[in-house]
Each structure stands twice: as C-alpha cells, then as structure tokens.
C-alpha cells in the first residue's frame, strides 16, 4: 500500500508520528468514453466560455458562483492562508462509546501506521483505547478539507473513519411519517417471526457482486470472440394482496431455505467411522489392558 498523508496523532502532550493509507478500494469495472465506430478514446478540451479559446491547466483557478451569477475567483494563495490547524495533525478531541456515533456520519476509512520512532506510543494508545471499549473523536485535514473522524482499533491497527459534519446529513421529511398507520398485532408477530427465521452471523464472504461478475463475463466473452450468453430473467412475483399472508409465506420460504443450507452443510461432513465387531468384548478370555502411566485420576 502507498501512504497518502503523513502527520501525527496529538494526544495530550504525546505526539505519535503516523502514515495514512486508504483502507478500502473500489472494484468497479472502469470504462473509457470511446468513438462507437472505431473505439478511439474521446478527449475533452478545456475551453473558455467567454472567448472560445482553449485554456492551459496552469491558467485554471477555482471560482465561487454568487446568486447573481457573478464569479469570485480564488487563488492558491487564498487557500494557503486558511487556518488549518490540523493540516499535519490528528487532534484527539474526546473519547465516547462507539454506539453513540451514528454510522450515517461515516464517510471513508483509513489505516494508520506508526513511523519507526512512534511504534511504542502507538501501541500504548492502541491497547489503552481497545481496553476502554471506546472510540476517539478526532479532527483531521486531508487535501485541504477538515473533517471530524473516529479512531478505533481493528486487527491491531488504528482505523480512522472520516465523518460528515452535522449540516451535511439530511433530515428525512416524508409524508408517511405524519400518517397514523395502524399495524395489526398478528402482522407484527409474523414480521418478527420472519426476522427471527432469517437471523444469522454476518459473513461478508457469503455475498458477491452478481452484476460486476456478469459484466466481467460479457467483457471476457467479447475478448475471446465468444457469443455472449445472458442469464435468464427471474420472473417478477405479483405483490400479495394480503400483508399477513405474504409474511406467512415469507417465513415458510426462509425456513425452507435455511433447512436446505443446513442440509448441504451436514452432507459435507464425513460420517463417523463404525466400530468393527472385533473391538467389542465378545470373548470371555480377553484380558484387560493395564492403564497407561500418568493417565490415572489425580487425587483431590
């Protein structure tokens, strides 16, 4: 992995030099825009809308548009003068219970690696944070953007998860929230049964991106000159007229599906070996074996 940021965790009077790495990567199939006739790449020119001339990258600046349509042009010097106190620091602000942080605030995850001289304080803070069962609320600036973040421990390393600011999270405003929708007791009970029938331990490896796999298969087939076979479309089920009946049918389907999975798991196990008849004590002349040394029961 390649680090994208270098700085230090500032924890009281302790400074821990660290490197920042992206903890995730997109596996999407990437495309280029091309000319349909010959497959050549499409290029775009940066053209000024005022004079129609192409503008070199060195002459391009950032502009903020006012409601009137006028533009305020900002230079690199304007950005350099902004007060980013956390430009090279991860400032620890407080420690909270992990359940207090709503996952909707999380934006992106990063790993933190200590520099050679920072390994000891890194491990100290890591162990202390892990034993506390809490997460640290920190502030960091990456690529001229300051954000809140949480610091937690995963597989022996710090994971920094940047967060959205409160005004970046929308409040749901949907008409049904103001409606008085009645749910019958039987419907609630059946919905609860459906949830219970689908309970299990989360294993991400059990799931796959079917769309990406199908798309890659189409690309591979085109490369090899084979005919592309499309999977059969699943028949769309008609919506049930009765919610309770639909829930009951869903519970039965979930139980059947779970039974099939458990049956496959059981069939994969080797059957226990049968004891041969010679191992049974069928002869009265058979002598008892002396117990092995050191296997006797210890006295209390």
C-alpha atoms as a PDB file:
ATOM      1  CA  UNK A   1       0.000   0.000   0.000  1.00  0.00           C
ATOM      2  CA  UNK A   2       1.061   3.576  -0.618  1.00  0.00           C
ATOM      3  CA  UNK A   3       0.621   6.246   2.055  1.00  0.00           C
ATOM      4  CA  UNK A   4      -1.406   9.313   1.073  1.00  0.00           C
ATOM      5  CA  UNK A   5      -0.727  11.507   4.117  1.00  0.00           C
ATOM      6  CA  UNK A   6       1.900  11.902   6.825  1.00  0.00           C
ATOM      7  CA  UNK A   7       1.386  13.562  10.167  1.00  0.00           C
ATOM      8  CA  UNK A   8       0.998  12.779  13.849  1.00  0.00           C
ATOM      9  CA  UNK A   9      -1.654  11.850  16.385  1.00  0.00           C
ATOM     10  CA  UNK A  10      -1.765  14.581  19.021  1.00  0.00           C
ATOM     11  CA  UNK A  11      -2.909  13.012  22.298  1.00  0.00           C
ATOM     12  CA  UNK A  12      -2.430  15.368  25.237  1.00  0.00           C
ATOM     13  CA  UNK A  13       1.308  16.046  25.370  1.00  0.00           C
ATOM     14  CA  UNK A  14       2.053  12.868  23.411  1.00  0.00           C
ATOM     15  CA  UNK A  15       2.764  13.047  19.672  1.00  0.00           C
ATOM     16  CA  UNK A  16       2.688   9.855  17.601  1.00  0.00           C
ATOM     17  CA  UNK A  17       4.039  10.150  14.016  1.00  0.00           C
ATOM     18  CA  UNK A  18       1.898   8.121  11.594  1.00  0.00           C
ATOM     19  CA  UNK A  19       1.228   7.471   7.916  1.00  0.00           C
ATOM     20  CA  UNK A  20      -2.267   7.318   6.447  1.00  0.00           C
ATOM     21  CA  UNK A  21      -3.381   4.624   3.990  1.00  0.00           C
ATOM     22  CA  UNK A  22      -6.709   4.121   2.261  1.00  0.00           C
ATOM     23  CA  UNK A  23      -8.368   1.085   3.879  1.00  0.00           C
ATOM     24  CA  UNK A  24     -10.748   0.346   1.009  1.00  0.00           C
ATOM     25  CA  UNK A  25     -10.676   0.217  -2.777  1.00  0.00           C
ATOM     26  CA  UNK A  26     -13.373   0.173  -5.422  1.00  0.00           C
ATOM     27  CA  UNK A  27     -13.616  -2.972  -7.545  1.00  0.00           C
ATOM     28  CA  UNK A  28     -15.938  -1.498 -10.143  1.00  0.00           C
ATOM     29  CA  UNK A  29     -15.244  -2.243 -13.796  1.00  0.00           C
ATOM     30  CA  UNK A  30     -13.937   1.018 -15.253  1.00  0.00           C
ATOM     31  CA  UNK A  31     -14.695   2.279 -18.746  1.00  0.00           C
ATOM     32  CA  UNK A  32     -13.492   4.988 -21.127  1.00  0.00           C
ATOM     33  CA  UNK A  33     -15.673   7.012 -23.433  1.00  0.00           C
ATOM     34  CA  UNK A  34     -14.849   5.965 -26.996  1.00  0.00           C
ATOM     35  CA  UNK A  35     -15.990   6.577 -30.562  1.00  0.00           C
ATOM     36  CA  UNK A  36     -18.533   3.862 -31.395  1.00  0.00           C
ATOM     37  CA  UNK A  37     -17.210   3.494 -34.970  1.00  0.00           C
ATOM     38  CA  UNK A  38     -13.524   2.798 -34.274  1.00  0.00           C
ATOM     39  CA  UNK A  39     -13.150   2.541 -30.471  1.00  0.00           C
ATOM     40  CA  UNK A  40     -10.816   5.559 -30.254  1.00  0.00           C
ATOM     41  CA  UNK A  41     -10.729   7.455 -26.955  1.00  0.00           C
ATOM     42  CA  UNK A  42     -12.761  10.654 -26.612  1.00  0.00           C
ATOM     43  CA  UNK A  43     -10.865  13.748 -25.454  1.00  0.00           C
ATOM     44  CA  UNK A  44     -12.260  16.925 -23.962  1.00  0.00           C
ATOM     45  CA  UNK A  45     -10.727  20.374 -24.281  1.00  0.00           C
ATOM     46  CA  UNK A  46     -10.851  22.991 -21.532  1.00  0.00           C
ATOM     47  CA  UNK A  47     -12.446  25.886 -23.382  1.00  0.00           C
ATOM     48  CA  UNK A  48     -13.264  29.342 -22.026  1.00  0.00           C
ATOM     49  CA  UNK A  49     -16.968  30.120 -22.497  1.00  0.00           C
ATOM     50  CA  UNK A  50     -16.197  33.835 -22.969  1.00  0.00           C
ATOM     51  CA  UNK A  51     -13.767  33.722 -25.913  1.00  0.00           C
ATOM     52  CA  UNK A  52     -13.951  30.073 -27.025  1.00  0.00           C
ATOM     53  CA  UNK A  53     -10.182  29.651 -26.613  1.00  0.00           C
ATOM     54  CA  UNK A  54      -8.588  26.527 -25.090  1.00  0.00           C
ATOM     55  CA  UNK A  55      -7.191  27.275 -21.608  1.00  0.00           C
ATOM     56  CA  UNK A  56      -3.957  25.647 -20.331  1.00  0.00           C
ATOM     57  CA  UNK A  57      -4.242  23.924 -16.957  1.00  0.00           C
ATOM     58  CA  UNK A  58      -1.845  26.446 -15.373  1.00  0.00           C
ATOM     59  CA  UNK A  59      -4.364  29.244 -16.054  1.00  0.00           C
ATOM     60  CA  UNK A  60      -7.315  27.470 -14.437  1.00  0.00           C
ATOM     61  CA  UNK A  61      -8.436  28.609 -10.970  1.00  0.00           C
ATOM     62  CA  UNK A  62     -11.339  27.820  -8.642  1.00  0.00           C
ATOM     63  CA  UNK A  63     -14.389  30.059  -8.762  1.00  0.00           C
ATOM     64  CA  UNK A  64     -17.347  30.502  -6.401  1.00  0.00           C
ATOM     65  CA  UNK A  65     -20.570  31.499  -8.128  1.00  0.00           C
ATOM     66  CA  UNK A  66     -22.768  34.092  -6.425  1.00  0.00           C
ATOM     67  CA  UNK A  67     -26.592  34.011  -6.643  1.00  0.00           C
ATOM     68  CA  UNK A  68     -26.316  36.911  -9.106  1.00  0.00           C
ATOM     69  CA  UNK A  69     -24.254  34.762 -11.469  1.00  0.00           C
ATOM     70  CA  UNK A  70     -21.035  36.679 -10.792  1.00  0.00           C
ATOM     71  CA  UNK A  71     -17.918  34.644 -10.027  1.00  0.00           C
ATOM     72  CA  UNK A  72     -15.453  35.075  -7.156  1.00  0.00           C
ATOM     73  CA  UNK A  73     -12.047  33.749  -8.252  1.00  0.00           C
ATOM     74  CA  UNK A  74      -9.852  32.139  -5.562  1.00  0.00           C
ATOM     75  CA  UNK A  75      -6.118  31.615  -5.975  1.00  0.00           C
ATOM     76  CA  UNK A  76      -3.731  29.080  -4.442  1.00  0.00           C
ATOM     77  CA  UNK A  77      -2.546  31.839  -2.100  1.00  0.00           C
ATOM     78  CA  UNK A  78      -6.092  32.289  -0.787  1.00  0.00           C
ATOM     79  CA  UNK A  79      -6.280  28.620   0.166  1.00  0.00           C
ATOM     80  CA  UNK A  80      -2.773  28.612   1.646  1.00  0.00           C
ATOM     81  CA  UNK A  81      -3.722  31.384   4.085  1.00  0.00           C
ATOM     82  CA  UNK A  82      -6.700  29.481   5.519  1.00  0.00           C
ATOM     83  CA  UNK A  83      -6.237  28.385   9.173  1.00  0.00           C
ATOM     84  CA  UNK A  84      -5.969  24.591   9.007  1.00  0.00           C
ATOM     85  CA  UNK A  85      -4.637  23.774  12.479  1.00  0.00           C
ATOM     86  CA  UNK A  86      -4.937  20.045  11.773  1.00  0.00           C
ATOM     87  CA  UNK A  87      -3.109  20.103   8.429  1.00  0.00           C
ATOM     88  CA  UNK A  88      -0.434  17.719   9.738  1.00  0.00           C
ATOM     89  CA  UNK A  89      -2.058  16.588  12.958  1.00  0.00           C
ATOM     90  CA  UNK A  90      -4.787  14.261  14.086  1.00  0.00           C
ATOM     91  CA  UNK A  91      -6.107  16.103  17.130  1.00  0.00           C
ATOM     92  CA  UNK A  92      -7.812  13.869  19.705  1.00  0.00           C
ATOM     93  CA  UNK A  93     -10.835  15.820  20.993  1.00  0.00           C
ATOM     94  CA  UNK A  94     -12.630  13.324  23.260  1.00  0.00           C
ATOM     95  CA  UNK A  95     -13.469   9.656  23.837  1.00  0.00           C
ATOM     96  CA  UNK A  96     -17.010   8.273  23.519  1.00  0.00           C
ATOM     97  CA  UNK A  97     -18.857   4.961  23.402  1.00  0.00           C
ATOM     98  CA  UNK A  98     -18.918   3.575  19.859  1.00  0.00           C
ATOM     99  CA  UNK A  99     -22.714   3.172  19.986  1.00  0.00           C
ATOM    100  CA  UNK A 100     -23.069   6.945  20.392  1.00  0.00           C
ATOM    101  CA  UNK A 101     -21.806   7.594  16.851  1.00  0.00           C
ATOM    102  CA  UNK A 102     -24.493   7.056  14.213  1.00  0.00           C
ATOM    103  CA  UNK A 103     -22.979   5.183  11.203  1.00  0.00           C
ATOM    104  CA  UNK A 104     -24.711   7.656   8.860  1.00  0.00           C
ATOM    105  CA  UNK A 105     -21.900  10.115   9.657  1.00  0.00           C
ATOM    106  CA  UNK A 106     -19.125   7.832   8.370  1.00  0.00           C
ATOM    107  CA  UNK A 107     -17.555   8.772   5.027  1.00  0.00           C
ATOM    108  CA  UNK A 108     -14.276   6.901   4.337  1.00  0.00           C
ATOM    109  CA  UNK A 109     -11.934   4.539   6.200  1.00  0.00           C
ATOM    110  CA  UNK A 110      -8.143   4.743   6.525  1.00  0.00           C
ATOM    111  CA  UNK A 111      -5.407   2.712   8.236  1.00  0.00           C
ATOM    112  CA  UNK A 112      -2.767   4.417  10.381  1.00  0.00           C
ATOM    113  CA  UNK A 113       0.770   3.030  10.507  1.00  0.00           C
ATOM    114  CA  UNK A 114       3.305   4.335  13.044  1.00  0.00           C
ATOM    115  CA  UNK A 115       6.714   5.598  11.999  1.00  0.00           C
ATOM    116  CA  UNK A 116       9.620   3.623  13.447  1.00  0.00           C
ATOM    117  CA  UNK A 117      10.120   6.030  16.359  1.00  0.00           C
ATOM    118  CA  UNK A 118       6.393   6.146  17.078  1.00  0.00           C
ATOM    119  CA  UNK A 119       5.727   2.421  17.477  1.00  0.00           C
ATOM    120  CA  UNK A 120       5.841   2.385  21.307  1.00  0.00           C
ATOM    121  CA  UNK A 121       3.369   5.255  21.965  1.00  0.00           C
ATOM    122  CA  UNK A 122       1.200   3.951  19.093  1.00  0.00           C
ATOM    123  CA  UNK A 123       0.884   0.520  20.720  1.00  0.00           C
ATOM    124  CA  UNK A 124       0.316   2.128  24.126  1.00  0.00           C
ATOM    125  CA  UNK A 125      -2.594   4.261  22.884  1.00  0.00           C
ATOM    126  CA  UNK A 126      -3.946   1.353  20.835  1.00  0.00           C
ATOM    127  CA  UNK A 127      -4.044  -1.015  23.813  1.00  0.00           C
ATOM    128  CA  UNK A 128      -5.497   1.637  26.123  1.00  0.00           C
ATOM    129  CA  UNK A 129      -8.236   2.524  23.624  1.00  0.00           C
ATOM    130  CA  UNK A 130      -9.069  -1.121  22.956  1.00  0.00           C
ATOM    131  CA  UNK A 131      -9.330  -1.968  26.657  1.00  0.00           C
ATOM    132  CA  UNK A 132     -11.596   1.035  27.253  1.00  0.00           C
ATOM    133  CA  UNK A 133     -14.103  -0.165  24.653  1.00  0.00           C
ATOM    134  CA  UNK A 134     -14.418   3.401  23.375  1.00  0.00           C
ATOM    135  CA  UNK A 135     -13.515   5.318  20.219  1.00  0.00           C
ATOM    136  CA  UNK A 136     -11.661   8.606  19.918  1.00  0.00           C
ATOM    137  CA  UNK A 137     -13.265  11.616  18.253  1.00  0.00           C
ATOM    138  CA  UNK A 138     -10.550  13.415  16.294  1.00  0.00           C
ATOM    139  CA  UNK A 139     -10.132  16.217  13.786  1.00  0.00           C
ATOM    140  CA  UNK A 140      -8.001  15.920  10.651  1.00  0.00           C
ATOM    141  CA  UNK A 141      -7.452  17.809   7.390  1.00  0.00           C
ATOM    142  CA  UNK A 142      -6.887  15.810   4.205  1.00  0.00           C
ATOM    143  CA  UNK A 143      -6.447  17.528   0.839  1.00  0.00           C
ATOM    144  CA  UNK A 144      -7.455  20.936   2.228  1.00  0.00           C
ATOM    145  CA  UNK A 145     -10.653  19.582   3.736  1.00  0.00           C
ATOM    146  CA  UNK A 146     -11.031  19.469   7.505  1.00  0.00           C
ATOM    147  CA  UNK A 147     -13.324  16.834   8.960  1.00  0.00           C
ATOM    148  CA  UNK A 148     -14.239  15.046  12.134  1.00  0.00           C
ATOM    149  CA  UNK A 149     -13.277  11.391  12.377  1.00  0.00           C
ATOM    150  CA  UNK A 150     -13.330   8.452  14.736  1.00  0.00           C
ATOM    151  CA  UNK A 151     -10.284   6.462  15.749  1.00  0.00           C
ATOM    152  CA  UNK A 152     -10.798   2.809  16.654  1.00  0.00           C
ATOM    153  CA  UNK A 153      -8.800  -0.415  16.696  1.00  0.00           C
ATOM    154  CA  UNK A 154      -9.193  -3.185  14.118  1.00  0.00           C
ATOM    155  CA  UNK A 155      -6.869  -6.168  13.748  1.00  0.00           C
ATOM    156  CA  UNK A 156      -4.148  -4.470  15.774  1.00  0.00           C
ATOM    157  CA  UNK A 157      -4.061  -1.155  13.904  1.00  0.00           C
ATOM    158  CA  UNK A 158      -5.844   2.175  14.181  1.00  0.00           C
ATOM    159  CA  UNK A 159      -8.686   2.730  11.738  1.00  0.00           C
ATOM    160  CA  UNK A 160      -9.557   6.367  11.113  1.00  0.00           C
ATOM    161  CA  UNK A 161     -13.041   6.902   9.701  1.00  0.00           C
ATOM    162  CA  UNK A 162     -13.749  10.397   8.445  1.00  0.00           C
ATOM    163  CA  UNK A 163     -17.189  11.774   9.258  1.00  0.00           C
ATOM    164  CA  UNK A 164     -19.641  14.192   7.728  1.00  0.00           C
ATOM    165  CA  UNK A 165     -20.422  17.418   9.545  1.00  0.00           C
ATOM    166  CA  UNK A 166     -23.898  17.593  11.123  1.00  0.00           C
ATOM    167  CA  UNK A 167     -25.198  20.023   8.487  1.00  0.00           C
ATOM    168  CA  UNK A 168     -24.198  17.548   5.753  1.00  0.00           C
ATOM    169  CA  UNK A 169     -26.655  14.899   6.973  1.00  0.00           C
ATOM    170  CA  UNK A 170     -30.184  15.393   5.710  1.00  0.00           C
ATOM    171  CA  UNK A 171     -33.255  15.060   7.915  1.00  0.00           C
ATOM    172  CA  UNK A 172     -35.871  12.663   6.489  1.00  0.00           C
ATOM    173  CA  UNK A 173     -39.063  14.517   5.610  1.00  0.00           C
ATOM    174  CA  UNK A 174     -41.562  12.046   4.169  1.00  0.00           C
ATOM    175  CA  UNK A 175     -45.377  12.316   4.242  1.00  0.00           C
ATOM    176  CA  UNK A 176     -45.926   8.847   5.749  1.00  0.00           C
ATOM    177  CA  UNK A 177     -44.132   9.923   8.952  1.00  0.00           C
ATOM    178  CA  UNK A 178     -47.100  12.181   9.727  1.00  0.00           C
ATOM    179  CA  UNK A 179     -49.678   9.497   8.983  1.00  0.00           C
ATOM    180  CA  UNK A 180     -51.282   7.308  11.647  1.00  0.00           C
ATOM    181  CA  UNK A 181     -50.664   3.883  10.095  1.00  0.00           C
ATOM    182  CA  UNK A 182     -52.163   1.020  12.088  1.00  0.00           C
ATOM    183  CA  UNK A 183     -50.240  -2.261  12.303  1.00  0.00           C
ATOM    184  CA  UNK A 184     -52.188  -5.293  13.484  1.00  0.00           C
ATOM    185  CA  UNK A 185     -50.774  -7.442  16.291  1.00  0.00           C
ATOM    186  CA  UNK A 186     -50.776 -10.545  14.072  1.00  0.00           C
ATOM    187  CA  UNK A 187     -48.831  -8.715  11.358  1.00  0.00           C
ATOM    188  CA  UNK A 188     -46.233  -7.504  13.846  1.00  0.00           C
ATOM    189  CA  UNK A 189     -45.895 -11.005  15.302  1.00  0.00           C
ATOM    190  CA  UNK A 190     -45.466 -12.559  11.855  1.00  0.00           C
ATOM    191  CA  UNK A 191     -42.926  -9.902  10.809  1.00  0.00           C
ATOM    192  CA  UNK A 192     -40.965 -10.647  13.994  1.00  0.00           C
ATOM    193  CA  UNK A 193     -41.068 -14.370  13.154  1.00  0.00           C
ATOM    194  CA  UNK A 194     -39.718 -13.604   9.683  1.00  0.00           C
ATOM    195  CA  UNK A 195     -36.812 -11.654  11.179  1.00  0.00           C
ATOM    196  CA  UNK A 196     -36.047 -14.490  13.602  1.00  0.00           C
ATOM    197  CA  UNK A 197     -36.167 -17.088  10.814  1.00  0.00           C
ATOM    198  CA  UNK A 198     -33.563 -15.101   8.851  1.00  0.00           C
ATOM    199  CA  UNK A 199     -31.168 -14.485  11.742  1.00  0.00           C
ATOM    200  CA  UNK A 200     -27.546 -15.492  11.304  1.00  0.00           C
ATOM    201  CA  UNK A 201     -23.918 -14.466  11.754  1.00  0.00           C
ATOM    202  CA  UNK A 202     -22.714 -11.889   9.250  1.00  0.00           C
ATOM    203  CA  UNK A 203     -20.033 -13.254   6.909  1.00  0.00           C
ATOM    204  CA  UNK A 204     -19.250 -10.804   4.062  1.00  0.00           C
ATOM    205  CA  UNK A 205     -17.596 -13.572   2.010  1.00  0.00           C
ATOM    206  CA  UNK A 206     -21.004 -15.231   1.555  1.00  0.00           C
ATOM    207  CA  UNK A 207     -22.148 -12.391  -0.692  1.00  0.00           C
ATOM    208  CA  UNK A 208     -20.977 -11.379  -4.153  1.00  0.00           C
ATOM    209  CA  UNK A 209     -21.490  -8.626  -6.681  1.00  0.00           C
ATOM    210  CA  UNK A 210     -23.527 -10.532  -9.273  1.00  0.00           C
ATOM    211  CA  UNK A 211     -23.769  -7.530 -11.612  1.00  0.00           C
ATOM    212  CA  UNK A 212     -19.999  -6.997 -11.696  1.00  0.00           C
ATOM    213  CA  UNK A 213     -19.362 -10.706 -12.317  1.00  0.00           C
ATOM    214  CA  UNK A 214     -21.881 -10.766 -15.174  1.00  0.00           C
ATOM    215  CA  UNK A 215     -20.386  -7.590 -16.670  1.00  0.00           C
ATOM    216  CA  UNK A 216     -16.871  -9.057 -16.485  1.00  0.00           C
ATOM    217  CA  UNK A 217     -18.144 -12.233 -18.162  1.00  0.00           C
ATOM    218  CA  UNK A 218     -19.538 -10.138 -21.036  1.00  0.00           C
ATOM    219  CA  UNK A 219     -16.172  -8.367 -21.438  1.00  0.00           C
ATOM    220  CA  UNK A 220     -14.219 -11.657 -21.316  1.00  0.00           C
ATOM    221  CA  UNK A 221     -16.543 -13.205 -23.899  1.00  0.00           C
ATOM    222  CA  UNK A 222     -16.023 -10.261 -26.261  1.00  0.00           C
ATOM    223  CA  UNK A 223     -12.241 -10.502 -25.837  1.00  0.00           C
ATOM    224  CA  UNK A 224     -12.304 -14.216 -26.679  1.00  0.00           C
ATOM    225  CA  UNK A 225     -14.754 -13.752 -29.542  1.00  0.00           C
ATOM    226  CA  UNK A 226     -17.391 -15.981 -27.962  1.00  0.00           C
ATOM    227  CA  UNK A 227     -21.119 -15.417 -28.072  1.00  0.00           C
ATOM    228  CA  UNK A 228     -22.401 -13.620 -25.003  1.00  0.00           C
ATOM    229  CA  UNK A 229     -24.968 -15.691 -23.103  1.00  0.00           C
ATOM    230  CA  UNK A 230     -27.330 -13.696 -20.988  1.00  0.00           C
ATOM    231  CA  UNK A 231     -28.740 -15.179 -17.770  1.00  0.00           C
ATOM    232  CA  UNK A 232     -32.442 -15.933 -17.771  1.00  0.00           C
ATOM    233  CA  UNK A 233     -34.517 -13.178 -16.259  1.00  0.00           C
ATOM    234  CA  UNK A 234     -36.188 -14.034 -12.985  1.00  0.00           C
ATOM    235  CA  UNK A 235     -39.963 -13.907 -13.060  1.00  0.00           C
ATOM    236  CA  UNK A 236     -41.310 -10.990 -11.088  1.00  0.00           C
ATOM    237  CA  UNK A 237     -43.626 -12.057  -8.290  1.00  0.00           C
ATOM    238  CA  UNK A 238     -47.002 -10.419  -8.073  1.00  0.00           C
ATOM    239  CA  UNK A 239     -47.456  -8.360  -4.896  1.00  0.00           C
ATOM    240  CA  UNK A 240     -49.559 -10.182  -2.308  1.00  0.00           C
ATOM    241  CA  UNK A 241     -52.982  -8.722  -1.688  1.00  0.00           C
ATOM    242  CA  UNK A 242     -52.840  -9.624   1.995  1.00  0.00           C
ATOM    243  CA  UNK A 243     -49.812  -8.484   4.007  1.00  0.00           C
ATOM    244  CA  UNK A 244     -50.278 -11.185   6.648  1.00  0.00           C
ATOM    245  CA  UNK A 245     -50.380 -13.936   4.014  1.00  0.00           C
ATOM    246  CA  UNK A 246     -47.242 -12.552   2.385  1.00  0.00           C
ATOM    247  CA  UNK A 247     -45.414 -12.524   5.721  1.00  0.00           C
ATOM    248  CA  UNK A 248     -46.510 -16.082   6.492  1.00  0.00           C
ATOM    249  CA  UNK A 249     -45.318 -17.291   3.081  1.00  0.00           C
ATOM    250  CA  UNK A 250     -42.005 -15.461   3.572  1.00  0.00           C
ATOM    251  CA  UNK A 251     -41.450 -17.192   6.930  1.00  0.00           C
ATOM    252  CA  UNK A 252     -42.057 -20.615   5.351  1.00  0.00           C
ATOM    253  CA  UNK A 253     -39.704 -19.806   2.462  1.00  0.00           C
ATOM    254  CA  UNK A 254     -36.990 -18.605   4.866  1.00  0.00           C
ATOM    255  CA  UNK A 255     -37.291 -21.780   6.968  1.00  0.00           C
ATOM    256  CA  UNK A 256     -37.097 -23.946   3.847  1.00  0.00           C
ATOM    257  CA  UNK A 257     -34.043 -22.055   2.587  1.00  0.00           C
ATOM    258  CA  UNK A 258     -32.295 -22.384   5.943  1.00  0.00           C
ATOM    259  CA  UNK A 259     -33.099 -26.105   6.069  1.00  0.00           C
ATOM    260  CA  UNK A 260     -31.552 -26.638   2.637  1.00  0.00           C
ATOM    261  CA  UNK A 261     -28.389 -24.771   3.646  1.00  0.00           C
ATOM    262  CA  UNK A 262     -28.052 -26.763   6.873  1.00  0.00           C
ATOM    263  CA  UNK A 263     -28.632 -29.984   4.926  1.00  0.00           C
ATOM    264  CA  UNK A 264     -25.822 -29.143   2.497  1.00  0.00           C
ATOM    265  CA  UNK A 265     -23.503 -28.290   5.388  1.00  0.00           C
ATOM    266  CA  UNK A 266     -24.302 -31.580   7.112  1.00  0.00           C
ATOM    267  CA  UNK A 267     -23.758 -33.622   3.918  1.00  0.00           C
ATOM    268  CA  UNK A 268     -20.298 -32.130   3.597  1.00  0.00           C
ATOM    269  CA  UNK A 269     -19.185 -33.635   6.894  1.00  0.00           C
ATOM    270  CA  UNK A 270     -17.590 -37.102   6.911  1.00  0.00           C
ATOM    271  CA  UNK A 271     -19.680 -39.788   8.683  1.00  0.00           C
ATOM    272  CA  UNK A 272     -18.231 -41.166  11.894  1.00  0.00           C
ATOM    273  CA  UNK A 273     -16.320 -44.451  11.389  1.00  0.00           C
ATOM    274  CA  UNK A 274     -18.157 -47.556  12.606  1.00  0.00           C
ATOM    275  CA  UNK A 275     -16.544 -49.703  15.233  1.00  0.00           C
ATOM    276  CA  UNK A 276     -15.638 -53.173  13.974  1.00  0.00           C
ATOM    277  CA  UNK A 277     -17.179 -56.205  15.667  1.00  0.00           C
ATOM    278  CA  UNK A 278     -13.727 -57.319  16.789  1.00  0.00           C
ATOM    279  CA  UNK A 279     -13.471 -54.285  19.031  1.00  0.00           C
ATOM    280  CA  UNK A 280     -16.458 -55.429  21.055  1.00  0.00           C
ATOM    281  CA  UNK A 281     -15.792 -57.724  24.022  1.00  0.00           C
ATOM    282  CA  UNK A 282     -17.264 -60.939  22.631  1.00  0.00           C
ATOM    283  CA  UNK A 283     -14.730 -63.351  24.247  1.00  0.00           C
ATOM    284  CA  UNK A 284     -14.530 -64.093  27.931  1.00  0.00           C
ATOM    285  CA  UNK A 285     -10.806 -64.849  27.713  1.00  0.00           C
ATOM    286  CA  UNK A 286      -9.977 -61.296  26.692  1.00  0.00           C
ATOM    287  CA  UNK A 287      -7.511 -59.708  29.105  1.00  0.00           C
ATOM    288  CA  UNK A 288      -7.911 -56.181  30.403  1.00  0.00           C
ATOM    289  CA  UNK A 289      -5.229 -53.685  29.415  1.00  0.00           C
ATOM    290  CA  UNK A 290      -3.272 -52.010  32.182  1.00  0.00           C
ATOM    291  CA  UNK A 291      -3.900 -48.240  32.339  1.00  0.00           C
ATOM    292  CA  UNK A 292      -1.128 -46.129  30.812  1.00  0.00           C
ATOM    293  CA  UNK A 293       1.233 -44.404  33.207  1.00  0.00           C
ATOM    294  CA  UNK A 294       0.238 -40.895  34.131  1.00  0.00           C
ATOM    295  CA  UNK A 295      -3.363 -41.402  32.978  1.00  0.00           C
ATOM    296  CA  UNK A 296      -4.766 -42.300  36.384  1.00  0.00           C
ATOM    297  CA  UNK A 297      -7.177 -39.968  38.144  1.00  0.00           C
ATOM    298  CA  UNK A 298      -5.494 -37.415  40.355  1.00  0.00           C
ATOM    299  CA  UNK A 299      -6.496 -37.269  43.973  1.00  0.00           C
ATOM    300  CA  UNK A 300      -8.340 -34.212  45.072  1.00  0.00           C
END
